[in-house]
Protein backbone atom coordinates (compact mmCIF):
# COMPACT_ATOMS: atom_id res chain seq x y z
CA MET A 1 -22.23 11.47 33.06
CA GLU A 2 -23.00 10.61 29.69
CA LYS A 3 -21.54 7.54 28.14
CA LEU A 4 -20.24 7.49 24.57
CA ASN A 5 -21.06 4.27 22.43
CA THR A 6 -17.90 3.28 20.77
CA THR A 7 -17.64 0.45 18.08
CA VAL A 8 -14.30 -1.27 18.03
CA SER A 9 -13.48 -2.70 14.58
CA VAL A 10 -11.59 -5.98 14.99
CA LYS A 11 -9.17 -6.56 12.43
CA MET A 12 -8.75 -10.23 11.59
CA GLU A 13 -5.63 -12.08 10.23
CA ALA A 14 -5.15 -15.29 8.43
CA ASN A 15 -2.26 -17.40 6.96
CA ILE A 16 -3.25 -19.21 3.62
CA VAL A 17 -0.88 -21.57 1.81
CA VAL A 18 -1.60 -22.07 -1.80
CA LEU A 19 -0.37 -25.58 -2.92
CA GLY A 20 -0.60 -27.54 -6.11
CA THR A 21 1.93 -28.93 -8.94
CA GLU A 22 3.79 -26.85 -11.35
CA SER A 23 2.02 -24.87 -13.90
CA VAL A 24 -1.36 -25.22 -12.47
CA GLY A 25 -1.70 -21.35 -11.85
CA LYS A 26 -0.94 -21.10 -8.20
CA SER A 27 0.83 -17.61 -8.73
CA ALA A 28 -1.51 -16.38 -11.43
CA LEU A 29 -4.16 -17.04 -8.97
CA THR A 30 -2.33 -15.32 -6.13
CA VAL A 31 -1.48 -12.38 -7.97
CA ARG A 32 -4.97 -12.10 -9.32
CA LEU A 33 -6.54 -11.80 -5.92
CA LEU A 34 -4.04 -9.21 -4.94
CA THR A 35 -3.68 -7.06 -7.93
CA ARG A 36 -6.54 -8.04 -10.13
CA ARG A 37 -4.27 -8.49 -12.91
CA PHE A 38 -3.39 -11.53 -14.53
CA ILE A 39 0.32 -12.64 -15.19
CA GLY A 40 0.61 -15.83 -16.98
CA GLU A 41 4.38 -16.81 -16.66
CA TYR A 42 6.22 -17.28 -13.29
CA GLY A 43 9.51 -18.85 -12.14
CA ASP A 44 9.81 -21.07 -9.03
CA ILE A 45 9.79 -17.96 -6.62
CA GLU A 46 8.49 -18.86 -2.86
CA SER A 47 6.86 -15.67 -1.18
CA ILE A 48 4.39 -14.75 1.19
CA TYR A 49 2.57 -11.99 0.40
CA SER A 50 0.51 -9.93 2.80
CA HIS A 51 -2.73 -7.95 1.79
CA SER A 52 -5.85 -6.57 3.60
CA PHE A 53 -9.29 -6.88 2.24
CA ILE A 54 -12.92 -5.77 3.53
CA VAL A 55 -14.71 -9.10 3.94
CA ASN A 56 -18.26 -9.22 5.13
CA GLY A 57 -17.71 -5.18 6.45
CA ARG A 58 -14.65 -6.54 8.55
CA GLU A 59 -11.04 -5.54 7.66
CA MET A 60 -9.08 -8.84 7.22
CA THR A 61 -5.40 -9.38 6.44
CA PHE A 62 -4.31 -12.44 4.25
CA ASN A 63 -0.90 -13.65 4.55
CA ILE A 64 -0.47 -16.07 1.49
CA TRP A 65 2.36 -18.28 1.15
CA ASP A 66 2.84 -19.18 -2.55
CA SER A 67 5.54 -21.81 -3.01
CA PRO A 68 6.76 -24.13 -5.44
CA TYR A 69 5.75 -27.84 -5.59
CA SER A 70 8.41 -30.50 -4.64
CA GLU A 71 7.86 -34.05 -5.94
CA GLY A 72 9.95 -35.38 -3.51
CA LEU A 73 7.50 -34.44 -0.63
CA SER A 74 9.03 -37.01 1.52
CA THR A 75 12.51 -35.19 1.51
CA GLU A 76 10.82 -31.57 2.17
CA MET A 77 8.48 -33.07 4.80
CA SER A 78 9.93 -30.94 7.39
CA LEU A 79 9.24 -27.66 5.37
CA PHE A 80 5.78 -29.08 4.22
CA HIS A 81 4.89 -29.49 8.00
CA LYS A 82 5.90 -25.96 8.74
CA LYS A 83 3.69 -24.74 5.96
CA VAL A 84 0.59 -26.72 7.31
CA GLN A 85 1.08 -25.85 10.88
CA TRP A 86 1.63 -22.06 10.10
CA ALA A 87 -1.47 -21.98 7.83
CA ASP A 88 -5.02 -21.44 8.93
CA GLY A 89 -6.46 -22.11 5.58
CA TYR A 90 -5.59 -23.79 2.69
CA VAL A 91 -6.26 -23.33 -1.36
CA LEU A 92 -5.29 -26.55 -3.17
CA VAL A 93 -5.01 -25.88 -6.88
CA TYR A 94 -5.09 -28.27 -9.97
CA SER A 95 -5.71 -27.68 -13.79
CA ILE A 96 -8.60 -28.96 -15.46
CA CYS A 97 -6.21 -30.04 -18.18
CA ASP A 98 -3.87 -31.98 -16.04
CA ARG A 99 -5.28 -35.15 -14.32
CA ALA A 100 -1.89 -35.85 -12.48
CA SER A 101 -2.28 -32.19 -10.69
CA PHE A 102 -5.58 -33.41 -9.62
CA ASN A 103 -4.56 -36.52 -8.30
CA THR A 104 -1.87 -34.65 -6.03
CA VAL A 105 -4.52 -32.48 -4.63
CA SER A 106 -6.35 -35.72 -3.41
CA ARG A 107 -3.10 -36.69 -1.69
CA LEU A 108 -2.28 -33.08 -0.22
CA ILE A 109 -5.73 -33.32 1.37
CA GLN A 110 -5.04 -36.55 3.42
CA THR A 111 -1.60 -35.40 4.15
CA ILE A 112 -2.87 -31.91 5.75
CA LYS A 113 -5.68 -33.35 7.51
CA SER A 114 -3.23 -36.27 8.83
CA THR A 115 -0.83 -33.55 9.88
CA LYS A 116 -2.99 -30.90 11.74
CA ASP A 117 -5.54 -31.64 14.00
CA TYR A 118 -8.94 -29.99 13.83
CA GLN A 119 -12.07 -30.09 15.83
CA SER A 120 -13.85 -31.50 13.02
CA ALA A 121 -12.01 -32.93 10.01
CA ASP A 122 -15.17 -32.44 7.70
CA LYS A 123 -14.69 -28.50 8.47
CA ALA A 124 -10.98 -28.20 7.56
CA PRO A 125 -10.46 -25.01 6.02
CA ILE A 126 -9.59 -26.22 2.77
CA VAL A 127 -10.63 -25.21 -0.78
CA ILE A 128 -9.96 -27.30 -3.90
CA VAL A 129 -9.73 -25.27 -6.88
CA GLY A 130 -10.01 -26.38 -10.66
CA ASN A 131 -8.05 -23.62 -12.35
CA LYS A 132 -7.84 -22.80 -16.42
CA ARG A 133 -11.53 -23.08 -16.90
CA ASP A 134 -11.25 -21.08 -19.94
CA LEU A 135 -9.30 -24.09 -21.52
CA ASP A 136 -12.36 -26.29 -21.48
CA HIS A 137 -11.62 -27.80 -25.03
CA ARG A 138 -8.34 -29.20 -23.23
CA ARG A 139 -10.38 -30.37 -20.24
CA THR A 140 -9.23 -33.97 -18.73
CA VAL A 141 -10.89 -33.64 -15.33
CA LEU A 142 -14.60 -33.41 -15.23
CA SER A 143 -16.20 -30.71 -12.96
CA GLU A 144 -18.36 -33.53 -11.27
CA GLU A 145 -15.00 -35.23 -10.23
CA GLY A 146 -13.84 -32.08 -8.35
CA ARG A 147 -17.02 -31.71 -6.80
CA LEU A 148 -17.19 -35.18 -5.61
CA LEU A 149 -13.79 -35.08 -4.11
CA ALA A 150 -14.73 -32.02 -2.37
CA LEU A 151 -17.86 -33.87 -0.88
CA ASN A 152 -16.04 -36.93 0.12
CA THR A 153 -13.25 -34.78 1.97
CA GLY A 154 -15.44 -32.22 3.41
CA CYS A 155 -13.63 -29.18 1.55
CA LEU A 156 -15.13 -26.73 -0.63
CA PHE A 157 -15.00 -26.65 -4.47
CA TYR A 158 -14.37 -23.88 -7.23
CA GLU A 159 -13.54 -23.97 -10.91
CA VAL A 160 -12.35 -20.68 -11.86
CA SER A 161 -10.11 -19.17 -14.77
CA ALA A 162 -7.32 -17.19 -13.28
CA ALA A 163 -6.76 -15.75 -16.60
CA GLU A 164 -10.26 -14.26 -17.27
CA ASN A 165 -12.11 -13.56 -13.99
CA TYR A 166 -11.18 -11.74 -10.86
CA HIS A 167 -14.44 -12.10 -8.91
CA SER A 168 -14.37 -15.80 -9.27
CA VAL A 169 -10.87 -15.74 -7.56
CA LEU A 170 -12.16 -13.25 -4.93
CA THR A 171 -15.06 -15.50 -4.33
CA VAL A 172 -12.62 -18.70 -3.55
CA PHE A 173 -10.84 -16.73 -0.92
CA HIS A 174 -14.19 -15.27 0.59
CA GLY A 175 -15.45 -19.13 0.76
CA LEU A 176 -12.02 -20.10 2.56
CA VAL A 177 -12.91 -17.21 5.28
CA ASP A 178 -16.23 -18.83 5.95
CA ARG A 179 -14.58 -22.19 6.48
CA MET A 180 -11.87 -20.84 8.79
CA LYS A 181 -14.73 -19.32 11.00
CA ASP A 182 -16.45 -22.64 11.13
CA ALA A 183 -13.25 -24.16 11.98
CA LYS A 184 -12.65 -21.46 14.59
CA LEU A 185 -9.21 -21.08 13.59
CA THR A 186 -9.34 -17.18 12.37
CA SER A 187 -7.99 -14.81 14.83
CA LYS A 188 -5.87 -11.64 15.13
CA ARG A 189 -1.94 -12.56 15.65
CA HIS A 190 1.50 -11.92 14.73
CA LEU A 191 3.20 -13.34 11.70
CA ARG A 192 5.77 -16.13 12.95
CA PHE A 193 7.42 -16.08 9.56
CA ARG A 194 7.90 -12.08 9.41
CA GLY A 195 11.25 -12.39 8.25
CA ILE A 196 10.33 -13.71 4.86
CA VAL A 197 7.44 -11.57 4.04
CA LYS A 198 7.99 -9.98 0.52
CA SER A 199 5.71 -6.96 -0.71
CA MET A 200 4.25 -7.40 -4.04
CA SER A 201 6.12 -4.46 -5.38
CA ALA A 202 9.59 -5.70 -4.41
CA VAL A 203 8.71 -9.12 -6.21
CA PHE A 204 7.77 -7.29 -9.11
CA ALA A 205 10.73 -4.63 -9.11
CA ARG A 206 13.04 -7.74 -8.83
CA ARG A 207 11.46 -9.37 -11.85
CA ARG A 208 11.46 -6.30 -13.98
CA THR A 209 15.21 -5.60 -13.04
CA ASP A 210 16.06 -9.40 -13.95
CA SER A 211 14.45 -9.11 -17.23
CA LEU A 212 16.53 -5.97 -18.37
């Protein structure tokens, strides 16, 4: 009897948390990835967006948790730990025009690594993103400082402008996927926080209604 050759396409799913201080462009970066559009103004809206991409010929679903930053991290530590444990990968964003936001990213790296165990801390799936490259004339954090932080902490590093370029933002998340594969954390599984997932259309519809 003739055997049929069948190819099973494995769908992969990854939970990603985007962290950083206020006004560094976390939401702008996320929305640029998901819609290719740039929207500059956001309120403090906490959402998880789910979207599928083709990465290296394989369908992959990103569940991206975009949340406001809390200065009182100690008082919010329980929620922060939930985010860290939920996530397979981390995008830590700072503004090249804001040194305090860069210093916060440095602290977040250490907190994430101490909160979640990895087979190799040097391969922890963390990407450092220096955003607002289009505002180079207002730069207070040098590119070399971002690269050095990434080198010393075993993270990936990119400088991007969410306002100007979609493809550089896409490169950030593709790089994170590669790092997650190295960490052997990427796998197909169900969302644990399914009840708070919000679609992009629902979020934007609400914003449009509120503005009327």
